Protein backbone atom coordinates (compact mmCIF):
# COMPACT_ATOMS: atom_id res chain seq x y z
CA UNK A 1 -81.64 -286.09 30.62
CA UNK A 2 -81.61 -282.56 32.09
CA UNK A 3 -85.39 -282.61 32.25
CA UNK A 4 -85.32 -285.86 34.26
CA UNK A 5 -82.74 -284.47 36.70
CA UNK A 6 -84.87 -281.37 37.26
CA UNK A 7 -87.95 -283.56 37.80
CA UNK A 8 -86.17 -285.78 40.34
CA UNK A 9 -84.83 -282.73 42.15
CA UNK A 10 -88.31 -281.23 42.32
CA UNK A 11 -89.88 -284.45 43.63
CA UNK A 12 -87.21 -284.92 46.31
CA UNK A 13 -87.48 -281.26 47.33
CA UNK A 14 -91.25 -281.53 47.71
CA UNK A 15 -90.93 -284.72 49.74
CA UNK A 16 -88.17 -283.53 52.06
CA UNK A 17 -90.63 -281.83 54.46
CA UNK A 18 -92.51 -285.12 54.73
CA UNK A 19 -89.26 -287.00 55.31
CA UNK A 20 -88.24 -284.49 57.93
CA UNK A 21 -91.58 -284.95 59.68
CA UNK A 22 -90.95 -288.70 59.69
CA UNK A 23 -87.68 -287.92 61.42
CA UNK A 24 -89.51 -286.43 64.39
CA UNK A 25 -90.52 -289.05 66.93
CA UNK A 26 -94.02 -288.61 68.35
CA UNK A 27 -94.96 -290.29 71.64
CA UNK A 28 -97.34 -293.22 71.20
CA UNK A 29 -100.40 -294.06 73.31
CA UNK A 30 -100.28 -297.73 74.24
CA UNK A 31 -102.90 -300.00 75.82
CA UNK A 32 -102.19 -303.39 77.37
CA UNK A 33 -104.76 -306.18 77.10
CA UNK A 34 -103.36 -307.79 80.26
CA UNK A 35 -99.95 -307.74 81.95
CA UNK A 36 -99.47 -311.28 80.62
CA UNK A 37 -101.80 -314.01 79.42
CA UNK A 38 -101.03 -317.63 80.40
CA UNK A 39 -102.09 -320.49 78.20
CA UNK A 40 -104.19 -323.10 79.95
CA UNK A 41 -101.77 -325.58 81.55
CA UNK A 42 -98.81 -323.29 80.89
CA UNK A 43 -97.37 -323.80 84.38
CA UNK A 44 -95.56 -327.15 84.49
CA UNK A 45 -93.87 -328.03 87.74
CA UNK A 46 -94.39 -324.43 88.90
CA UNK A 47 -96.54 -323.97 92.00
CA UNK A 48 -97.15 -320.25 91.60
CA UNK A 49 -96.65 -317.59 88.95
CA UNK A 50 -95.38 -314.35 90.49
CA UNK A 51 -97.45 -311.70 88.69
CA UNK A 52 -96.01 -308.89 90.83
CA UNK A 53 -92.44 -309.60 89.76
CA UNK A 54 -93.47 -310.13 86.15
CA UNK A 55 -95.31 -306.78 86.16
CA UNK A 56 -92.12 -305.12 87.43
CA UNK A 57 -90.16 -306.61 84.51
CA UNK A 58 -92.82 -305.49 82.01
CA UNK A 59 -92.86 -301.99 83.47
CA UNK A 60 -89.09 -301.70 83.15
CA UNK A 61 -88.50 -303.36 79.78
CA UNK A 62 -91.71 -302.92 77.76
CA UNK A 63 -93.44 -299.85 79.20
CA UNK A 64 -90.71 -297.66 77.74
CA UNK A 65 -90.21 -293.95 78.32
CA UNK A 66 -91.24 -293.24 74.73
CA UNK A 67 -94.83 -294.46 75.37
CA UNK A 68 -97.89 -293.33 77.30
CA UNK A 69 -99.53 -296.40 78.87
CA UNK A 70 -102.91 -297.61 80.07
CA UNK A 71 -104.93 -300.85 80.20
CA UNK A 72 -107.95 -301.79 78.10
CA UNK A 73 -111.33 -301.83 79.90
CA UNK A 74 -111.77 -305.24 81.50
CA UNK A 75 -115.31 -305.42 80.17
CA UNK A 76 -113.90 -305.85 76.66
CA UNK A 77 -111.76 -308.85 77.60
CA UNK A 78 -114.37 -311.51 78.41
CA UNK A 79 -114.70 -312.81 74.84
CA UNK A 80 -110.94 -312.77 74.35
CA UNK A 81 -110.33 -314.76 77.54
CA UNK A 82 -113.03 -317.32 76.74
CA UNK A 83 -111.70 -317.88 73.22
CA UNK A 84 -108.03 -317.96 74.28
CA UNK A 85 -108.69 -320.29 77.22
CA UNK A 86 -110.48 -322.75 74.93
CA UNK A 87 -107.27 -323.39 72.99
CA UNK A 88 -105.04 -326.31 73.94
CA UNK A 89 -102.17 -324.91 71.88
CA UNK A 90 -101.28 -321.36 70.93
CA UNK A 91 -98.74 -319.47 68.88
CA UNK A 92 -98.15 -315.77 68.35
CA UNK A 93 -100.25 -315.93 65.18
CA UNK A 94 -103.12 -317.73 66.95
CA UNK A 95 -103.18 -315.12 69.73
CA UNK A 96 -103.12 -312.37 67.11
CA UNK A 97 -106.11 -313.93 65.34
CA UNK A 98 -108.06 -314.25 68.60
CA UNK A 99 -107.37 -310.60 69.47
CA UNK A 100 -108.56 -309.58 66.02
CA UNK A 101 -111.72 -311.72 66.23
CA UNK A 102 -112.75 -310.74 69.76
CA UNK A 103 -111.31 -307.34 70.60
CA UNK A 104 -111.37 -305.95 67.07
CA UNK A 105 -115.16 -305.80 66.53
CA UNK A 106 -115.77 -304.32 70.00
CA UNK A 107 -113.17 -301.60 69.58
CA UNK A 108 -114.40 -300.88 66.06
CA UNK A 109 -118.00 -300.58 67.26
CA UNK A 110 -117.10 -298.18 70.07
CA UNK A 111 -114.62 -295.98 68.24
CA UNK A 112 -116.68 -296.12 65.04
CA UNK A 113 -119.68 -294.56 66.76
CA UNK A 114 -120.26 -291.15 65.06
CA UNK A 115 -120.64 -289.39 68.38
CA UNK A 116 -117.37 -290.87 69.68
CA UNK A 117 -115.63 -289.76 66.51
CA UNK A 118 -116.88 -286.23 67.09
CA UNK A 119 -115.57 -286.43 70.64
CA UNK A 120 -112.18 -287.75 69.47
CA UNK A 121 -111.94 -285.04 66.85
CA UNK A 122 -112.64 -282.36 69.46
CA UNK A 123 -115.63 -281.00 67.54
CA UNK A 124 -118.01 -280.86 70.51
CA UNK A 125 -118.87 -277.43 71.89
CA UNK A 126 -116.89 -277.01 75.10
CA UNK A 127 -114.98 -279.02 77.69
CA UNK A 128 -117.79 -279.27 80.24
CA UNK A 129 -120.23 -280.46 77.59
CA UNK A 130 -117.67 -282.95 76.29
CA UNK A 131 -117.14 -284.39 79.76
CA UNK A 132 -120.88 -284.72 80.37
CA UNK A 133 -121.37 -286.25 76.95
CA UNK A 134 -118.46 -288.65 77.44
CA UNK A 135 -119.95 -289.81 80.73
CA UNK A 136 -123.37 -290.54 79.25
CA UNK A 137 -121.86 -292.21 76.19
CA UNK A 138 -119.61 -294.36 78.35
CA UNK A 139 -122.60 -295.48 80.45
CA UNK A 140 -124.51 -296.33 77.29
CA UNK A 141 -121.62 -298.52 76.15
CA UNK A 142 -121.21 -300.26 79.49
CA UNK A 143 -117.94 -298.51 80.34
CA UNK A 144 -116.80 -296.01 82.91
CA UNK A 145 -115.88 -292.55 81.70
CA UNK A 146 -112.20 -293.30 82.47
CA UNK A 147 -112.36 -296.56 80.50
CA UNK A 148 -113.87 -294.81 77.52
CA UNK A 149 -111.21 -292.11 77.68
CA UNK A 150 -108.45 -294.73 77.74
CA UNK A 151 -109.92 -296.55 74.78
CA UNK A 152 -110.31 -293.32 72.81
CA UNK A 153 -106.62 -292.54 73.42
CA UNK A 154 -105.38 -295.99 72.44
CA UNK A 155 -103.38 -295.99 69.24
CA UNK A 156 -101.65 -299.34 69.87
CA UNK A 157 -102.64 -302.50 71.74
CA UNK A 158 -100.28 -305.22 72.95
CA UNK A 159 -100.32 -308.49 74.85
CA UNK A 160 -97.42 -310.57 76.22
CA UNK A 161 -98.37 -314.25 76.41
CA UNK A 162 -96.86 -317.36 77.97
CA UNK A 163 -97.16 -320.70 76.20
CA UNK A 164 -95.33 -322.55 78.93
CA UNK A 165 -93.29 -322.08 82.07
CA UNK A 166 -91.66 -325.39 82.87
CA UNK A 167 -89.57 -326.21 85.94
CA UNK A 168 -87.28 -329.24 85.97
CA UNK A 169 -84.84 -330.50 88.58
CA UNK A 170 -81.96 -332.92 88.25
CA UNK A 171 -79.45 -333.65 91.01
CA UNK A 172 -80.40 -330.44 92.80
CA UNK A 173 -80.00 -328.29 89.67
CA UNK A 174 -83.20 -326.38 88.89
CA UNK A 175 -84.04 -325.10 85.42
CA UNK A 176 -87.03 -322.96 84.44
CA UNK A 177 -87.79 -322.57 80.74
CA UNK A 178 -90.22 -319.92 79.46
CA UNK A 179 -91.68 -319.91 75.96
CA UNK A 180 -94.06 -317.28 74.69
CA UNK A 181 -94.08 -313.96 72.93
CA UNK A 182 -95.84 -310.66 72.31
CA UNK A 183 -98.51 -309.39 69.90
CA UNK A 184 -98.84 -305.75 68.82
CA UNK A 185 -101.79 -304.17 67.00
CA UNK A 186 -102.34 -300.62 65.75
CA UNK A 187 -105.81 -299.06 65.95
CA UNK A 188 -106.49 -297.14 62.73
CA UNK A 189 -109.28 -294.68 61.92
CA UNK A 190 -109.47 -293.58 58.28
CA UNK A 191 -110.89 -290.33 56.89
CA UNK A 192 -114.36 -291.81 56.69
CA UNK A 193 -114.37 -292.83 60.34
CA UNK A 194 -113.86 -296.53 59.62
CA UNK A 195 -111.96 -298.24 62.44
CA UNK A 196 -109.62 -301.17 61.84
CA UNK A 197 -106.87 -303.05 63.66
CA UNK A 198 -103.56 -303.59 61.89
CA UNK A 199 -101.25 -306.38 63.07
CA UNK A 200 -97.77 -304.91 63.60
CA UNK A 201 -95.92 -307.85 65.10
CA UNK A 202 -96.59 -311.33 66.44
CA UNK A 203 -93.33 -312.84 67.62
CA UNK A 204 -92.08 -315.49 70.02
CA UNK A 205 -88.97 -315.92 72.15
CA UNK A 206 -87.78 -318.12 75.01
CA UNK A 207 -85.56 -317.88 78.08
CA UNK A 208 -83.94 -320.15 80.64
CA UNK A 209 -83.34 -319.50 84.34
CA UNK A 210 -81.36 -321.68 86.72
CA UNK A 211 -80.37 -322.21 90.34
CA UNK A 212 -78.89 -324.91 92.58
CA UNK A 213 -80.09 -326.34 95.87
CA UNK A 214 -76.56 -327.07 97.09
CA UNK A 215 -74.19 -324.86 95.11
CA UNK A 216 -70.55 -325.89 95.20
CA UNK A 217 -67.85 -323.38 96.04
CA UNK A 218 -65.59 -322.50 93.10
CA UNK A 219 -62.23 -321.19 94.29
CA UNK A 220 -63.90 -320.43 97.63
CA UNK A 221 -66.89 -318.56 96.13
CA UNK A 222 -70.40 -320.03 96.45
CA UNK A 223 -73.50 -318.81 94.58
CA UNK A 224 -76.31 -317.43 96.78
CA UNK A 225 -79.87 -318.08 95.59
CA UNK A 226 -81.63 -316.74 98.72
CA UNK A 227 -82.21 -313.39 97.00
CA UNK A 228 -82.54 -311.94 93.50
CA UNK A 229 -81.00 -308.54 92.75
CA UNK A 230 -82.50 -306.02 90.33
CA UNK A 231 -80.53 -302.80 90.44
CA UNK A 232 -80.72 -301.49 93.99
CA UNK A 233 -83.70 -303.72 94.83
CA UNK A 234 -83.31 -307.12 96.46
CA UNK A 235 -86.05 -309.77 96.47
CA UNK A 236 -85.98 -312.66 98.94
CA UNK A 237 -86.35 -315.91 97.02
CA UNK A 238 -86.48 -319.63 97.42
CA UNK A 239 -84.22 -321.64 95.15
CA UNK A 240 -87.20 -322.29 92.85
CA UNK A 241 -88.24 -318.62 92.78
CA UNK A 242 -84.74 -317.51 91.87
CA UNK A 243 -84.78 -319.66 88.73
CA UNK A 244 -88.23 -318.26 87.82
CA UNK A 245 -87.13 -314.64 88.26
CA UNK A 246 -83.97 -315.36 86.27
CA UNK A 247 -86.01 -316.67 83.33
CA UNK A 248 -88.65 -313.90 83.56
CA UNK A 249 -86.07 -311.14 83.32
CA UNK A 250 -84.28 -312.68 80.33
CA UNK A 251 -87.62 -313.23 78.56
CA UNK A 252 -88.92 -309.68 79.01
CA UNK A 253 -85.54 -308.22 77.95
CA UNK A 254 -85.89 -310.08 74.66
CA UNK A 255 -89.45 -308.78 74.24
CA UNK A 256 -88.18 -305.24 74.84
CA UNK A 257 -85.79 -305.41 71.88
CA UNK A 258 -88.46 -306.95 69.67
CA UNK A 259 -90.82 -304.09 70.59
CA UNK A 260 -88.23 -301.42 69.79
CA UNK A 261 -87.62 -303.08 66.41
CA UNK A 262 -91.19 -302.26 65.27
CA UNK A 263 -90.93 -299.44 62.73
CA UNK A 264 -93.64 -297.36 64.43
CA UNK A 265 -91.74 -297.45 67.72
CA UNK A 266 -88.18 -296.82 66.55
CA UNK A 267 -86.84 -293.55 67.88
CA UNK A 268 -85.96 -291.15 65.09
CA UNK A 269 -84.68 -287.62 64.70
CA UNK A 270 -83.68 -285.40 61.83
CA UNK A 271 -80.04 -284.35 61.74
CA UNK A 272 -79.85 -280.59 61.49
CA UNK A 273 -76.59 -279.80 63.25
CA UNK A 274 -73.38 -281.41 62.01
CA UNK A 275 -70.44 -280.36 64.18
CA UNK A 276 -67.77 -282.00 62.00
CA UNK A 277 -67.47 -284.77 59.45
CA UNK A 278 -68.20 -287.41 62.09
CA UNK A 279 -69.98 -285.60 64.95
CA UNK A 280 -73.61 -284.45 64.93
CA UNK A 281 -76.60 -283.79 67.19
CA UNK A 282 -79.99 -285.52 67.61
CA UNK A 283 -83.18 -284.09 69.09
CA UNK A 284 -83.61 -287.06 71.44
CA UNK A 285 -82.65 -287.68 75.04
CA UNK A 286 -83.68 -288.91 78.47
CA UNK A 287 -87.33 -288.08 77.78
CA UNK A 288 -87.42 -290.81 75.11
CA UNK A 289 -85.25 -293.25 77.08
CA UNK A 290 -82.05 -292.71 75.07
CA UNK A 291 -78.80 -293.84 76.70
CA UNK A 292 -75.11 -293.31 76.11
CA UNK A 293 -73.78 -295.58 73.29
CA UNK A 294 -77.25 -296.30 71.84
CA UNK A 295 -76.88 -296.99 68.11
CA UNK A 296 -78.62 -295.20 65.22
CA UNK A 297 -78.71 -295.78 61.46
CA UNK A 298 -78.30 -292.67 59.31
CA UNK A 299 -80.78 -292.66 56.42
CA UNK A 300 -81.47 -290.51 53.36
CA UNK A 301 -84.45 -290.20 51.04
CA UNK A 302 -84.25 -291.22 47.38
CA UNK A 303 -86.55 -291.88 44.45
CA UNK A 304 -86.68 -295.44 43.09
CA UNK A 305 -87.24 -296.35 39.44
CA UNK A 306 -91.01 -296.33 39.97
CA UNK A 307 -90.95 -292.77 41.24
CA UNK A 308 -91.60 -293.73 44.87
CA UNK A 309 -89.71 -291.97 47.66
CA UNK A 310 -87.86 -294.46 49.87
CA UNK A 311 -85.08 -294.37 52.41
CA UNK A 312 -81.66 -295.98 52.40
CA UNK A 313 -79.07 -296.47 55.13
CA UNK A 314 -75.96 -294.37 54.54
CA UNK A 315 -74.18 -294.67 57.88
CA UNK A 316 -74.17 -295.74 61.51
CA UNK A 317 -73.42 -293.81 64.70
CA UNK A 318 -73.74 -293.88 68.47
CA UNK A 319 -74.78 -291.43 71.18
CA UNK A 320 -71.71 -289.90 72.88
CA UNK A 321 -73.59 -287.59 75.26
CA UNK A 322 -77.24 -287.96 76.23
CA UNK A 323 -79.31 -284.79 76.50
CA UNK A 324 -81.50 -284.19 79.53
CA UNK A 325 -84.52 -282.97 77.55
CA UNK A 326 -87.05 -283.64 80.28
CA UNK A 327 -89.33 -280.73 81.07
CA UNK A 328 -88.98 -277.72 78.79
CA UNK A 329 -85.37 -278.32 77.79
CA UNK A 330 -84.54 -278.30 74.07
CA UNK A 331 -81.06 -279.74 74.58
CA UNK A 332 -79.87 -282.21 71.90
CA UNK A 333 -77.82 -285.38 72.32
CA UNK A 334 -74.33 -285.62 70.80
CA UNK A 335 -73.57 -288.48 68.44
CA UNK A 336 -70.56 -289.81 66.54
CA UNK A 337 -70.42 -291.47 63.12
CA UNK A 338 -68.69 -294.86 62.98
CA UNK A 339 -68.98 -295.51 59.26
CA UNK A 340 -70.73 -294.13 56.20
CA UNK A 341 -71.68 -290.47 56.06
CA UNK A 342 -74.04 -287.95 57.59
CA UNK A 343 -75.63 -285.00 55.80
CA UNK A 344 -77.91 -282.12 56.77
CA UNK A 345 -81.49 -283.33 56.59
CA UNK A 346 -80.60 -287.02 57.05
CA UNK A 347 -82.73 -288.91 59.54
CA UNK A 348 -81.36 -291.14 62.31
CA UNK A 349 -83.33 -294.28 63.21
CA UNK A 350 -82.75 -296.32 66.36
CA UNK A 351 -80.96 -299.68 66.14
CA UNK A 352 -82.03 -301.54 69.27
CA UNK A 353 -79.74 -304.07 70.99
CA UNK A 354 -79.44 -305.66 74.45
CA UNK A 355 -76.26 -303.73 75.23
CA UNK A 356 -74.30 -306.99 75.41
CA UNK A 357 -71.53 -308.10 73.05
CA UNK A 358 -70.64 -311.78 72.65
CA UNK A 359 -67.43 -313.11 71.15
CA UNK A 360 -65.64 -316.26 70.08
CA UNK A 361 -61.85 -316.28 69.79
CA UNK A 362 -59.32 -318.96 68.85
CA UNK A 363 -55.69 -318.62 69.84
CA UNK A 364 -52.30 -319.98 70.82
CA UNK A 365 -50.63 -319.72 74.24
CA UNK A 366 -46.93 -320.06 74.99
CA UNK A 367 -45.07 -319.76 78.29
CA UNK A 368 -47.16 -322.07 80.51
CA UNK A 369 -45.41 -324.81 82.49
CA UNK A 370 -46.42 -328.44 82.92
CA UNK A 371 -43.27 -330.08 84.36
CA UNK A 372 -41.86 -333.24 82.84
CA UNK A 373 -41.56 -334.69 86.36
CA UNK A 374 -45.32 -335.13 86.58
CA UNK A 375 -44.71 -338.16 84.39
CA UNK A 376 -47.47 -337.73 81.84
CA UNK A 377 -45.46 -336.10 79.06
CA UNK A 378 -42.04 -336.92 77.60
CA UNK A 379 -40.85 -333.38 78.28
CA UNK A 380 -42.01 -330.11 79.78
CA UNK A 381 -45.10 -328.66 78.06
CA UNK A 382 -45.18 -324.91 77.41
CA UNK A 383 -47.86 -324.46 74.74
CA UNK A 384 -51.54 -324.99 74.18
CA UNK A 385 -54.33 -324.19 71.73
CA UNK A 386 -57.05 -322.08 73.35
CA UNK A 387 -60.65 -321.15 72.53
CA UNK A 388 -62.66 -318.53 74.41
CA UNK A 389 -66.25 -317.41 74.50
CA UNK A 390 -67.18 -314.24 76.29
CA UNK A 391 -69.77 -311.57 76.98
CA UNK A 392 -69.31 -307.86 77.54
CA UNK A 393 -71.95 -305.64 79.15
CA UNK A 394 -71.79 -301.98 78.09
CA UNK A 395 -71.38 -299.97 81.30
CA UNK A 396 -71.52 -296.60 79.52
CA UNK A 397 -75.16 -295.81 80.50
CA UNK A 398 -74.26 -296.53 84.14
CA UNK A 399 -70.85 -294.88 84.60
CA UNK A 400 -71.03 -292.22 81.87
CA UNK A 401 -67.87 -293.36 80.04
CA UNK A 402 -68.52 -294.38 76.42
CA UNK A 403 -67.59 -297.88 75.20
CA UNK A 404 -66.60 -299.26 78.60
CA UNK A 405 -67.48 -302.92 79.20
CA UNK A 406 -67.81 -305.35 82.08
CA UNK A 407 -66.44 -308.58 80.62
CA UNK A 408 -66.69 -312.25 81.50
CA UNK A 409 -64.90 -314.97 79.55
CA UNK A 410 -64.72 -318.74 79.62
CA UNK A 411 -61.79 -320.55 78.06
CA UNK A 412 -60.86 -324.07 76.98
CA UNK A 413 -57.33 -325.21 76.16
CA UNK A 414 -55.56 -328.30 74.82
CA UNK A 415 -51.91 -328.61 75.93
CA UNK A 416 -49.49 -329.49 73.11
CA UNK A 417 -47.18 -332.23 74.33
CA UNK A 418 -46.10 -335.77 73.47
CA UNK A 419 -47.56 -338.37 75.82
CA UNK A 420 -45.38 -340.58 77.98
CA UNK A 421 -45.68 -344.08 76.42
CA UNK A 422 -46.01 -345.70 79.87
CA UNK A 423 -49.45 -344.13 80.35
CA UNK A 424 -52.44 -344.93 78.17
CA UNK A 425 -55.18 -342.66 76.84
CA UNK A 426 -53.96 -339.42 78.38
CA UNK A 427 -56.55 -336.67 78.15
CA UNK A 428 -55.55 -333.22 79.34
CA UNK A 429 -57.37 -329.92 79.08
CA UNK A 430 -57.54 -326.54 80.81
CA UNK A 431 -60.57 -324.49 81.75
CA UNK A 432 -60.56 -320.84 82.71
CA UNK A 433 -63.06 -318.28 83.97
CA UNK A 434 -62.10 -314.59 84.01
CA UNK A 435 -63.86 -311.28 84.53
CA UNK A 436 -62.79 -307.67 84.20
CA UNK A 437 -63.09 -304.27 82.53
CA UNK A 438 -62.25 -303.10 79.01
CA UNK A 439 -62.43 -299.84 77.05
CA UNK A 440 -62.64 -299.28 73.30
CA UNK A 441 -61.11 -296.26 71.58
CA UNK A 442 -62.70 -295.76 68.15
CA UNK A 443 -61.46 -294.07 65.00
CA UNK A 444 -64.09 -294.67 62.34
CA UNK A 445 -64.57 -298.42 61.90
CA UNK A 446 -61.34 -299.21 63.78
CA UNK A 447 -60.73 -299.39 67.49
CA UNK A 448 -58.09 -300.29 70.04
CA UNK A 449 -59.52 -302.16 73.01
CA UNK A 450 -57.57 -302.35 76.27
CA UNK A 451 -58.62 -304.58 79.12
CA UNK A 452 -57.66 -306.25 82.37
CA UNK A 453 -59.13 -309.38 83.91
CA UNK A 454 -58.79 -311.60 86.95
CA UNK A 455 -59.95 -315.17 87.43
CA UNK A 456 -58.84 -318.73 87.77
CA UNK A 457 -57.53 -321.63 85.70
CA UNK A 458 -58.16 -325.31 86.18
CA UNK A 459 -56.31 -328.17 84.54
CA UNK A 460 -57.66 -331.70 84.48
CA UNK A 461 -55.62 -334.69 83.31
CA UNK A 462 -56.92 -338.25 83.14
CA UNK A 463 -55.01 -341.43 82.22
CA UNK A 464 -54.92 -345.17 82.77
CA UNK A 465 -51.96 -346.95 84.45
CA UNK A 466 -51.82 -350.59 85.52
CA UNK A 467 -55.55 -350.90 84.91
CA UNK A 468 -56.24 -348.01 87.27
CA UNK A 469 -58.14 -344.85 86.27
CA UNK A 470 -56.30 -341.76 87.43
CA UNK A 471 -57.07 -338.06 87.49
CA UNK A 472 -55.06 -334.96 88.38
CA UNK A 473 -56.80 -331.60 88.95
CA UNK A 474 -55.02 -328.27 89.53
CA UNK A 475 -56.59 -324.90 90.43
CA UNK A 476 -54.84 -321.54 90.35
CA UNK A 477 -55.71 -317.84 90.38
CA UNK A 478 -54.47 -315.54 87.63
CA UNK A 479 -54.60 -312.04 86.16
CA UNK A 480 -54.18 -310.94 82.58
CA UNK A 481 -54.08 -307.78 80.54
CA UNK A 482 -54.55 -307.43 76.82
CA UNK A 483 -55.05 -305.31 73.75
CA UNK A 484 -57.25 -305.96 70.73
CA UNK A 485 -57.53 -304.37 67.33
CA UNK A 486 -61.20 -304.32 66.30
CA UNK A 487 -62.67 -303.70 62.86
CA UNK A 488 -66.40 -302.98 62.60
CA UNK A 489 -67.67 -305.13 59.72
CA UNK A 490 -71.17 -303.72 60.25
CA UNK A 491 -73.15 -302.21 63.12
CA UNK A 492 -73.27 -305.56 64.99
CA UNK A 493 -70.39 -307.70 63.71
CA UNK A 494 -66.76 -306.96 64.57
CA UNK A 495 -63.49 -308.72 63.75
CA UNK A 496 -60.89 -308.80 66.52
CA UNK A 497 -57.17 -309.58 66.59
CA UNK A 498 -55.18 -309.28 69.79
CA UNK A 499 -52.89 -310.56 72.52
CA UNK A 500 -53.06 -311.18 76.27
CA UNK A 501 -50.29 -311.59 78.80
CA UNK A 502 -51.39 -313.86 81.64
CA UNK A 503 -49.69 -313.97 85.03
CA UNK A 504 -50.55 -317.27 86.69
CA UNK A 505 -50.21 -317.71 90.43
CA UNK A 506 -48.92 -320.74 92.33
CA UNK A 507 -51.61 -323.45 92.44
CA UNK A 508 -54.02 -323.07 95.35
CA UNK A 509 -55.25 -326.65 95.24
CA UNK A 510 -54.25 -330.00 93.73
CA UNK A 511 -56.22 -333.24 93.78
CA UNK A 512 -54.70 -336.55 92.69
CA UNK A 513 -57.01 -339.54 92.29
CA UNK A 514 -55.44 -342.99 91.80
CA UNK A 515 -58.05 -345.69 91.50
CA UNK A 516 -60.20 -345.44 94.65
CA UNK A 517 -57.71 -343.29 96.55
CA UNK A 518 -57.65 -339.50 96.59
CA UNK A 519 -54.93 -337.07 97.75
CA UNK A 520 -55.60 -333.36 98.28
CA UNK A 521 -53.09 -330.57 98.80
CA UNK A 522 -53.73 -326.87 99.19
CA UNK A 523 -51.93 -323.61 99.94
CA UNK A 524 -48.28 -323.97 100.88
CA UNK A 525 -48.58 -327.72 101.35
CA UNK A 526 -48.59 -328.61 97.64
CA UNK A 527 -45.54 -330.81 96.87
CA UNK A 528 -43.30 -330.59 93.83
CA UNK A 529 -43.63 -331.04 90.90
CA UNK A 530 -47.33 -330.09 91.21
CA UNK A 531 -46.49 -326.76 92.82
CA UNK A 532 -44.39 -325.90 89.75
CA UNK A 533 -47.38 -326.02 87.39
CA UNK A 534 -48.06 -322.52 86.06
CA UNK A 535 -50.56 -321.09 83.58
CA UNK A 536 -48.70 -317.85 82.77
CA UNK A 537 -47.83 -316.91 79.21
CA UNK A 538 -48.54 -314.90 76.11
CA UNK A 539 -51.80 -315.60 74.25
CA UNK A 540 -52.30 -314.59 70.61
CA UNK A 541 -55.86 -314.81 69.36
CA UNK A 542 -58.34 -313.82 66.64
CA UNK A 543 -62.12 -313.98 66.43
CA UNK A 544 -65.43 -312.24 65.99
CA UNK A 545 -67.67 -310.21 68.29
CA UNK A 546 -71.41 -309.65 67.85
CA UNK A 547 -73.84 -307.18 69.46
CA UNK A 548 -76.78 -309.26 70.70
CA UNK A 549 -80.44 -308.51 70.12
CA UNK A 550 -81.65 -311.63 71.94
CA UNK A 551 -80.22 -313.93 74.60
CA UNK A 552 -82.01 -316.84 76.32
CA UNK A 553 -80.09 -316.48 79.59
CA UNK A 554 -80.05 -313.58 82.05
CA UNK A 555 -76.55 -312.09 81.98
CA UNK A 556 -75.77 -308.87 83.85
CA UNK A 557 -79.52 -308.28 84.29
CA UNK A 558 -79.16 -306.77 87.78
CA UNK A 559 -77.30 -303.84 86.20
CA UNK A 560 -80.09 -302.72 83.84
CA UNK A 561 -82.04 -300.50 86.29
CA UNK A 562 -78.84 -298.57 87.10
CA UNK A 563 -78.66 -296.89 83.69
CA UNK A 564 -78.74 -293.10 84.07
CA UNK A 565 -76.54 -291.60 81.33
């Protein structure tokens, strides 16, 4: 037994330097086949594909700070384009196969040339000779010297592709749906000079963008589709272009996360400075594109039963202060452990997410007022069952305050009251839309989240009376503040339990429809008992929150370029 322990200790000790080296992230040289490849007939109902805007999205979301980028020589792409354009239907796997069949042999032939291998290895006599030789060799291969240099430096090759971009319109509502994906290959050269291409990832995603020709005002606010905002930039758009841009941004954001999830591209750093039991430092920062609140798994090396050295996750933490390591700085980022443990020599690996949390909560509200005098219920109604869905965008990389969120929430409620028997088939429900700010204060897996929101509530009630269809609609502004206890089940899933106090304002508008007649009141002209309707009260709720790695719609996208911390 002692002998085995000594042997395991020796093996792990010998492998620790290798593990530590794995913990050091090395910049990767990346080559793009094209900015995006469109399947034949991909554009459906779309007059023009805006390559310039798409290139801007690719540059921001896929050409990450951790990479050095260039494009493949166009002379190598003819066979790929011919083969790809001959297909009536494509998938990520089909595109990957075409890249392997067409680009693979050409790249292998060029990089497998003995003279090129000597040049890549730096074994030629001096720089001037190497440059002269590279120029003549490039000419021989039908490339420019710059193109040859780019190809020689390419360690990875990628291609975003679009299967379809479909625009549909119904009653002035425009929807653009994008389907497609991305393919990543690694260029490998073994010790014998043999060149091969290894498929790293072939994955698909989709996104939906939308706009309206004649947007309706909601509580006096009307959507504006004449421009599309991206950080501090503003692009003039038609209604159709806005929906396209909306879908493009959501699609490329999804591709960005899928790229960061590739093992070769995950940021990593060895932990060699533990400040306390839960605080430590990482040799990563702005140079690699790290932001405040980015998540990292903590991993350790171990030997399995077959004697192979593997890694296991032992904890999870987030960046609490991002180091500015651009230039010659050796500053390290600060990080905090949320669960598990961290030890000297452990390695932190990036856990990529969109920076958006989504939640679903079910609850009970008391304190609202639907007066008995309205005539739809036997007595005054003060309670309802509520359900909310929401999204929170992490503002930390923008404002420099950890775990601060810009929240938006939609709610649905069912009032709990006994119907008046004189009215048939009463259906009543409430809708709400709120937005605001919240902040989480963490202690290990547990946190207290405080937030404040403002928004509006709408109640709709329909019923039949004397063979007439009737509808009552009430709109009112409101504010609410709340507190939530949150337990981190794992790095993405959280359980929440909390309460809100809502202060509902006097209704701003009431519409009563009786058969073909309609009555509208607003402001101070709303008569009783409609003016007495109030959506205030205490809301108790419980639910789950999840950190998203993919989302088909473009939420908070205009904020992404503003990240600086």
